[in-house]
Amino acid sequence: MSSSYNNRSASLPDVYFQVWESGTMSLSARTILQASLLEEQLKEADRALIDRLLYAVRQGWVSIAGT
């Protein structure tokens, strides 16, 4: 799966799966997560996915690429 995403075509579950599978969060994935967090009405399930990814980064299970 490509690590490049178009903000209009990538859903949070797709981003979550790609990041978890690769173990690396790309710049495009971070941009999608940031844009999602800035939405006024974020679904609880989507918020939980973002929280899980951020927890994985803090634990060292997922690394940040291109920092």
PDB file of N, CA and C in Angstrom:
ATOM      1  N   MET A   1       0.846  -1.182   0.000  1.00  0.00           N
ATOM      2  CA  MET A   1       0.000   0.000   0.000  1.00  0.00           C
ATOM      3  C   MET A   1       0.882   1.232   0.000  1.00  0.00           C
ATOM      4  N   SER A   2       0.524   2.193  -0.741  1.00  0.00           N
ATOM      5  CA  SER A   2       1.291   3.428  -0.837  1.00  0.00           C
ATOM      6  C   SER A   2       1.138   4.250   0.431  1.00  0.00           C
ATOM      7  N   SER A   3       2.208   4.936   0.811  1.00  0.00           N
ATOM      8  CA  SER A   3       2.129   5.772   2.005  1.00  0.00           C
ATOM      9  C   SER A   3       1.632   7.172   1.683  1.00  0.00           C
ATOM     10  N   SER A   4       1.394   7.471   0.402  1.00  0.00           N
ATOM     11  CA  SER A   4       0.867   8.772   0.012  1.00  0.00           C
ATOM     12  C   SER A   4      -0.645   8.722   0.002  1.00  0.00           C
ATOM     13  N   TYR A   5      -1.253   9.722   0.574  1.00  0.00           N
ATOM     14  CA  TYR A   5      -2.703   9.777   0.643  1.00  0.00           C
ATOM     15  C   TYR A   5      -3.187  11.091   0.088  1.00  0.00           C
ATOM     16  N   ASN A   6      -4.365  11.042  -0.481  1.00  0.00           N
ATOM     17  CA  ASN A   6      -5.078  12.251  -0.864  1.00  0.00           C
ATOM     18  C   ASN A   6      -6.066  12.505   0.262  1.00  0.00           C
ATOM     19  N   ASN A   7      -6.088  13.706   0.825  1.00  0.00           N
ATOM     20  CA  ASN A   7      -6.954  13.993   1.967  1.00  0.00           C
ATOM     21  C   ASN A   7      -8.419  13.665   1.699  1.00  0.00           C
ATOM     22  N   ARG A   8      -8.851  13.742   0.466  1.00  0.00           N
ATOM     23  CA  ARG A   8     -10.247  13.480   0.159  1.00  0.00           C
ATOM     24  C   ARG A   8     -10.562  12.001   0.048  1.00  0.00           C
ATOM     25  N   SER A   9      -9.552  11.173  -0.241  1.00  0.00           N
ATOM     26  CA  SER A   9      -9.832   9.764  -0.493  1.00  0.00           C
ATOM     27  C   SER A   9      -9.446   8.846   0.660  1.00  0.00           C
ATOM     28  N   ALA A  10      -8.661   9.301   1.607  1.00  0.00           N
ATOM     29  CA  ALA A  10      -8.188   8.442   2.687  1.00  0.00           C
ATOM     30  C   ALA A  10      -9.099   8.558   3.899  1.00  0.00           C
ATOM     31  N   SER A  11      -9.566   7.419   4.357  1.00  0.00           N
ATOM     32  CA  SER A  11     -10.357   7.423   5.586  1.00  0.00           C
ATOM     33  C   SER A  11      -9.418   7.140   6.759  1.00  0.00           C
ATOM     34  N   LEU A  12      -9.827   7.500   7.933  1.00  0.00           N
ATOM     35  CA  LEU A  12      -8.992   7.262   9.104  1.00  0.00           C
ATOM     36  C   LEU A  12      -8.703   5.783   9.323  1.00  0.00           C
ATOM     37  N   PRO A  13      -9.669   4.879   9.127  1.00  0.00           N
ATOM     38  CA  PRO A  13      -9.322   3.458   9.264  1.00  0.00           C
ATOM     39  C   PRO A  13      -8.240   3.020   8.274  1.00  0.00           C
ATOM     40  N   ASP A  14      -8.255   3.561   7.056  1.00  0.00           N
ATOM     41  CA  ASP A  14      -7.210   3.244   6.076  1.00  0.00           C
ATOM     42  C   ASP A  14      -5.847   3.748   6.551  1.00  0.00           C
ATOM     43  N   VAL A  15      -5.816   4.962   7.054  1.00  0.00           N
ATOM     44  CA  VAL A  15      -4.572   5.540   7.560  1.00  0.00           C
ATOM     45  C   VAL A  15      -4.077   4.724   8.751  1.00  0.00           C
ATOM     46  N   TYR A  16      -4.969   4.392   9.663  1.00  0.00           N
ATOM     47  CA  TYR A  16      -4.615   3.600  10.842  1.00  0.00           C
ATOM     48  C   TYR A  16      -3.978   2.274  10.430  1.00  0.00           C
ATOM     49  N   PHE A  17      -4.615   1.582   9.495  1.00  0.00           N
ATOM     50  CA  PHE A  17      -4.111   0.292   9.052  1.00  0.00           C
ATOM     51  C   PHE A  17      -2.732   0.429   8.418  1.00  0.00           C
ATOM     52  N   GLN A  18      -2.556   1.413   7.569  1.00  0.00           N
ATOM     53  CA  GLN A  18      -1.269   1.616   6.891  1.00  0.00           C
ATOM     54  C   GLN A  18      -0.166   1.914   7.895  1.00  0.00           C
ATOM     55  N   VAL A  19      -0.447   2.789   8.847  1.00  0.00           N
ATOM     56  CA  VAL A  19       0.555   3.154   9.847  1.00  0.00           C
ATOM     57  C   VAL A  19       0.886   1.958  10.723  1.00  0.00           C
ATOM     58  N   TRP A  20      -0.122   1.257  11.170  1.00  0.00           N
ATOM     59  CA  TRP A  20       0.105   0.121  12.065  1.00  0.00           C
ATOM     60  C   TRP A  20       0.851  -0.994  11.344  1.00  0.00           C
ATOM     61  N   GLU A  21       0.508  -1.234  10.081  1.00  0.00           N
ATOM     62  CA  GLU A  21       1.156  -2.284   9.300  1.00  0.00           C
ATOM     63  C   GLU A  21       2.627  -1.955   9.035  1.00  0.00           C
ATOM     64  N   SER A  22       2.918  -0.694   8.707  1.00  0.00           N
ATOM     65  CA  SER A  22       4.283  -0.311   8.370  1.00  0.00           C
ATOM     66  C   SER A  22       5.124   0.017   9.606  1.00  0.00           C
ATOM     67  N   GLY A  23       4.471   0.420  10.689  1.00  0.00           N
ATOM     68  CA  GLY A  23       5.200   0.818  11.888  1.00  0.00           C
ATOM     69  C   GLY A  23       5.782   2.216  11.798  1.00  0.00           C
ATOM     70  N   THR A  24       5.401   2.945  10.740  1.00  0.00           N
ATOM     71  CA  THR A  24       5.909   4.294  10.518  1.00  0.00           C
ATOM     72  C   THR A  24       4.775   5.225  10.119  1.00  0.00           C
ATOM     73  N   MET A  25       4.745   6.409  10.725  1.00  0.00           N
ATOM     74  CA  MET A  25       3.738   7.400  10.371  1.00  0.00           C
ATOM     75  C   MET A  25       4.375   8.422   9.438  1.00  0.00           C
ATOM     76  N   SER A  26       3.896   8.456   8.203  1.00  0.00           N
ATOM     77  CA  SER A  26       4.432   9.378   7.197  1.00  0.00           C
ATOM     78  C   SER A  26       3.879  10.790   7.404  1.00  0.00           C
ATOM     79  N   LEU A  27       4.478  11.724   6.707  1.00  0.00           N
ATOM     80  CA  LEU A  27       4.012  13.105   6.761  1.00  0.00           C
ATOM     81  C   LEU A  27       2.572  13.211   6.270  1.00  0.00           C
ATOM     82  N   SER A  28       2.242  12.479   5.217  1.00  0.00           N
ATOM     83  CA  SER A  28       0.865  12.544   4.699  1.00  0.00           C
ATOM     84  C   SER A  28      -0.127  11.968   5.706  1.00  0.00           C
ATOM     85  N   ALA A  29       0.240  10.918   6.404  1.00  0.00           N
ATOM     86  CA  ALA A  29      -0.642  10.350   7.430  1.00  0.00           C
ATOM     87  C   ALA A  29      -0.824  11.341   8.579  1.00  0.00           C
ATOM     88  N   ARG A  30       0.255  12.008   8.979  1.00  0.00           N
ATOM     89  CA  ARG A  30       0.152  13.011  10.056  1.00  0.00           C
ATOM     90  C   ARG A  30      -0.740  14.168   9.643  1.00  0.00           C
ATOM     91  N   THR A  31      -0.644  14.563   8.370  1.00  0.00           N
ATOM     92  CA  THR A  31      -1.478  15.657   7.867  1.00  0.00           C
ATOM     93  C   THR A  31      -2.950  15.276   7.917  1.00  0.00           C
ATOM     94  N   ILE A  32      -3.257  14.054   7.557  1.00  0.00           N
ATOM     95  CA  ILE A  32      -4.647  13.580   7.594  1.00  0.00           C
ATOM     96  C   ILE A  32      -5.151  13.537   9.029  1.00  0.00           C
ATOM     97  N   LEU A  33      -4.326  13.052   9.950  1.00  0.00           N
ATOM     98  CA  LEU A  33      -4.734  13.014  11.355  1.00  0.00           C
ATOM     99  C   LEU A  33      -4.968  14.421  11.900  1.00  0.00           C
ATOM    100  N   GLN A  34      -4.087  15.339  11.549  1.00  0.00           N
ATOM    101  CA  GLN A  34      -4.227  16.720  11.999  1.00  0.00           C
ATOM    102  C   GLN A  34      -5.511  17.342  11.456  1.00  0.00           C
ATOM    103  N   ALA A  35      -5.769  17.159  10.170  1.00  0.00           N
ATOM    104  CA  ALA A  35      -6.984  17.712   9.560  1.00  0.00           C
ATOM    105  C   ALA A  35      -8.228  17.107  10.205  1.00  0.00           C
ATOM    106  N   SER A  36      -8.172  15.835  10.522  1.00  0.00           N
ATOM    107  CA  SER A  36      -9.316  15.175  11.157  1.00  0.00           C
ATOM    108  C   SER A  36      -9.578  15.736  12.547  1.00  0.00           C
ATOM    109  N   LEU A  37      -8.506  15.982  13.283  1.00  0.00           N
ATOM    110  CA  LEU A  37      -8.664  16.540  14.630  1.00  0.00           C
ATOM    111  C   LEU A  37      -9.241  17.947  14.614  1.00  0.00           C
ATOM    112  N   LEU A  38      -9.003  18.681  13.526  1.00  0.00           N
ATOM    113  CA  LEU A  38      -9.504  20.046  13.425  1.00  0.00           C
ATOM    114  C   LEU A  38     -10.956  20.123  12.977  1.00  0.00           C
ATOM    115  N   GLU A  39     -11.538  18.992  12.569  1.00  0.00           N
ATOM    116  CA  GLU A  39     -12.944  18.982  12.184  1.00  0.00           C
ATOM    117  C   GLU A  39     -13.805  19.242  13.415  1.00  0.00           C
ATOM    118  N   GLU A  40     -14.887  19.929  13.199  1.00  0.00           N
ATOM    119  CA  GLU A  40     -15.757  20.255  14.323  1.00  0.00           C
ATOM    120  C   GLU A  40     -16.487  19.039  14.870  1.00  0.00           C
ATOM    121  N   GLN A  41     -16.874  18.137  13.996  1.00  0.00           N
ATOM    122  CA  GLN A  41     -17.645  16.977  14.437  1.00  0.00           C
ATOM    123  C   GLN A  41     -16.900  15.692  14.085  1.00  0.00           C
ATOM    124  N   LEU A  42     -15.975  15.305  14.927  1.00  0.00           N
ATOM    125  CA  LEU A  42     -15.206  14.085  14.739  1.00  0.00           C
ATOM    126  C   LEU A  42     -15.946  12.943  15.441  1.00  0.00           C
ATOM    127  N   LYS A  43     -16.150  11.857  14.720  1.00  0.00           N
ATOM    128  CA  LYS A  43     -16.838  10.701  15.301  1.00  0.00           C
ATOM    129  C   LYS A  43     -15.995  10.120  16.430  1.00  0.00           C
ATOM    130  N   GLU A  44     -16.680   9.562  17.416  1.00  0.00           N
ATOM    131  CA  GLU A  44     -15.992   8.969  18.564  1.00  0.00           C
ATOM    132  C   GLU A  44     -15.068   7.832  18.128  1.00  0.00           C
ATOM    133  N   ALA A  45     -15.487   7.033  17.162  1.00  0.00           N
ATOM    134  CA  ALA A  45     -14.656   5.921  16.676  1.00  0.00           C
ATOM    135  C   ALA A  45     -13.398   6.451  15.998  1.00  0.00           C
ATOM    136  N   ASP A  46     -13.518   7.539  15.249  1.00  0.00           N
ATOM    137  CA  ASP A  46     -12.351   8.135  14.599  1.00  0.00           C
ATOM    138  C   ASP A  46     -11.401   8.727  15.628  1.00  0.00           C
ATOM    139  N   ARG A  47     -11.944   9.345  16.644  1.00  0.00           N
ATOM    140  CA  ARG A  47     -11.115   9.901  17.727  1.00  0.00           C
ATOM    141  C   ARG A  47     -10.351   8.780  18.435  1.00  0.00           C
ATOM    142  N   ALA A  48     -11.009   7.637  18.623  1.00  0.00           N
ATOM    143  CA  ALA A  48     -10.352   6.504  19.269  1.00  0.00           C
ATOM    144  C   ALA A  48      -9.191   5.980  18.426  1.00  0.00           C
ATOM    145  N   LEU A  49      -9.350   5.949  17.096  1.00  0.00           N
ATOM    146  CA  LEU A  49      -8.264   5.515  16.216  1.00  0.00           C
ATOM    147  C   LEU A  49      -7.056   6.447  16.342  1.00  0.00           C
ATOM    148  N   ILE A  50      -7.327   7.740  16.355  1.00  0.00           N
ATOM    149  CA  ILE A  50      -6.246   8.719  16.485  1.00  0.00           C
ATOM    150  C   ILE A  50      -5.554   8.562  17.834  1.00  0.00           C
ATOM    151  N   ASP A  51      -6.331   8.377  18.882  1.00  0.00           N
ATOM    152  CA  ASP A  51      -5.752   8.193  20.215  1.00  0.00           C
ATOM    153  C   ASP A  51      -4.871   6.945  20.266  1.00  0.00           C
ATOM    154  N   ARG A  52      -5.309   5.863  19.617  1.00  0.00           N
ATOM    155  CA  ARG A  52      -4.516   4.631  19.591  1.00  0.00           C
ATOM    156  C   ARG A  52      -3.192   4.842  18.860  1.00  0.00           C
ATOM    157  N   LEU A  53      -3.238   5.568  17.745  1.00  0.00           N
ATOM    158  CA  LEU A  53      -2.006   5.826  17.004  1.00  0.00           C
ATOM    159  C   LEU A  53      -1.044   6.685  17.816  1.00  0.00           C
ATOM    160  N   LEU A  54      -1.562   7.708  18.471  1.00  0.00           N
ATOM    161  CA  LEU A  54      -0.700   8.565  19.285  1.00  0.00           C
ATOM    162  C   LEU A  54      -0.111   7.794  20.465  1.00  0.00           C
ATOM    163  N   TYR A  55      -0.883   6.911  21.042  1.00  0.00           N
ATOM    164  CA  TYR A  55      -0.386   6.058  22.128  1.00  0.00           C
ATOM    165  C   TYR A  55       0.734   5.150  21.617  1.00  0.00           C
ATOM    166  N   ALA A  56       0.546   4.583  20.416  1.00  0.00           N
ATOM    167  CA  ALA A  56       1.562   3.715  19.823  1.00  0.00           C
ATOM    168  C   ALA A  56       2.860   4.479  19.573  1.00  0.00           C
ATOM    169  N   VAL A  57       2.750   5.734  19.172  1.00  0.00           N
ATOM    170  CA  VAL A  57       3.946   6.560  18.976  1.00  0.00           C
ATOM    171  C   VAL A  57       4.639   6.782  20.321  1.00  0.00           C
ATOM    172  N   ARG A  58       3.873   7.131  21.338  1.00  0.00           N
ATOM    173  CA  ARG A  58       4.470   7.370  22.663  1.00  0.00           C
ATOM    174  C   ARG A  58       5.164   6.124  23.213  1.00  0.00           C
ATOM    175  N   GLN A  59       4.611   4.947  22.931  1.00  0.00           N
ATOM    176  CA  GLN A  59       5.184   3.695  23.423  1.00  0.00           C
ATOM    177  C   GLN A  59       6.376   3.229  22.590  1.00  0.00           C
ATOM    178  N   GLY A  60       6.590   3.866  21.439  1.00  0.00           N
ATOM    179  CA  GLY A  60       7.694   3.474  20.574  1.00  0.00           C
ATOM    180  C   GLY A  60       7.359   2.373  19.598  1.00  0.00           C
ATOM    181  N   TRP A  61       6.088   1.994  19.500  1.00  0.00           N
ATOM    182  CA  TRP A  61       5.652   0.941  18.583  1.00  0.00           C
ATOM    183  C   TRP A  61       5.551   1.465  17.153  1.00  0.00           C
ATOM    184  N   VAL A  62       5.348   2.767  17.006  1.00  0.00           N
ATOM    185  CA  VAL A  62       5.248   3.416  15.698  1.00  0.00           C
ATOM    186  C   VAL A  62       6.228   4.582  15.695  1.00  0.00           C
ATOM    187  N   SER A  63       6.997   4.688  14.615  1.00  0.00           N
ATOM    188  CA  SER A  63       7.946   5.799  14.515  1.00  0.00           C
ATOM    189  C   SER A  63       7.402   6.864  13.586  1.00  0.00           C
ATOM    190  N   ILE A  64       7.925   8.065  13.732  1.00  0.00           N
ATOM    191  CA  ILE A  64       7.530   9.195  12.906  1.00  0.00           C
ATOM    192  C   ILE A  64       8.564   9.352  11.798  1.00  0.00           C
ATOM    193  N   ALA A  65       8.118   9.332  10.549  1.00  0.00           N
ATOM    194  CA  ALA A  65       9.027   9.482   9.404  1.00  0.00           C
ATOM    195  C   ALA A  65       9.079  10.930   8.967  1.00  0.00           C
ATOM    196  N   GLY A  66      10.205  11.358   8.467  1.00  0.00           N
ATOM    197  CA  GLY A  66      10.340  12.684   7.883  1.00  0.00           C
ATOM    198  C   GLY A  66      10.230  13.834   8.850  1.00  0.00           C
ATOM    199  N   THR A  67      10.719  13.692  10.050  1.00  0.00           N
ATOM    200  CA  THR A  67      10.626  14.777  11.020  1.00  0.00           C
ATOM    201  C   THR A  67      11.674  15.795  10.836  1.00  0.00           C
TER     202      THR A  67
END
